[in-house]
Amino acid sequence: MKTLFRSLCLFFFVLFFMMACGDKQVEQDTGTSTESTPAAETPGQSAVSDDMSQRNVVQVAIGSPDHTTLVTAVKAAELVDVLSNVGPFTVFAPVNSAFEALPAGTVDNLLKPENKNALKNILEYHVYVGVIRENMIQDGMKLNQVNGQDIVLNKSGSDMSVNGAKIVATVPAANGIVYVIDKVLLPPETK
């Protein structure tokens, strides 16, 4: 009986071993490569296509006809992938008319490649890492933005503002929350 049991064990071991070796041979024959593509050649998070999930903060802006200037600026500053990541983010998103209210030529100048760092600084002043929901906002509340500078939120009843810019709408996103605002927030040294 012991001999039969050992023979069966040996048979299954050999069978399993042959199957395992056979799989490796198939892999080698098909030429399948398991090498990864260098990071520079792989698209970022923004390239992920998902029509089922809630939109992230970038997709919210892209889907809004009132935020085309903001989307252009985010692309020029190469922040699309960063803001498409998990976050969470609280984004204060100025509408097109807010950009139009800036002195003539400001937006065009900021979109130039040589001004990418200044543009990035301004856009990062519109982003807080973390989610601040409406019910969390308190009058005089300070938030330290991605660029390292503070903004001040104000609340009076249901009216809310950030650095004097009125919050006109709130849009939840998969990776945070977007507050639509009526002015562009300018960091203190760029005013």
Foldseek 3Di string as FASTA:
>chain_A
DVVVVVVVVVVVVVVVVVVVVVVVVVCVVVVDDPDDDDPVPDDALLPDDDPPDFAFPLVVLVPDPFQPLVNLLCVLLVNNRVRSDQFQKEFAGEGPVQVVPPPPPPSVVCSDNVNSVQSVLQRQQRMAGDAQDQVNDDAQDWGQTPSRDIWGWHDDPSWIDINPWTQDDKDAGNRYIYTYTHHRDHPPVVD
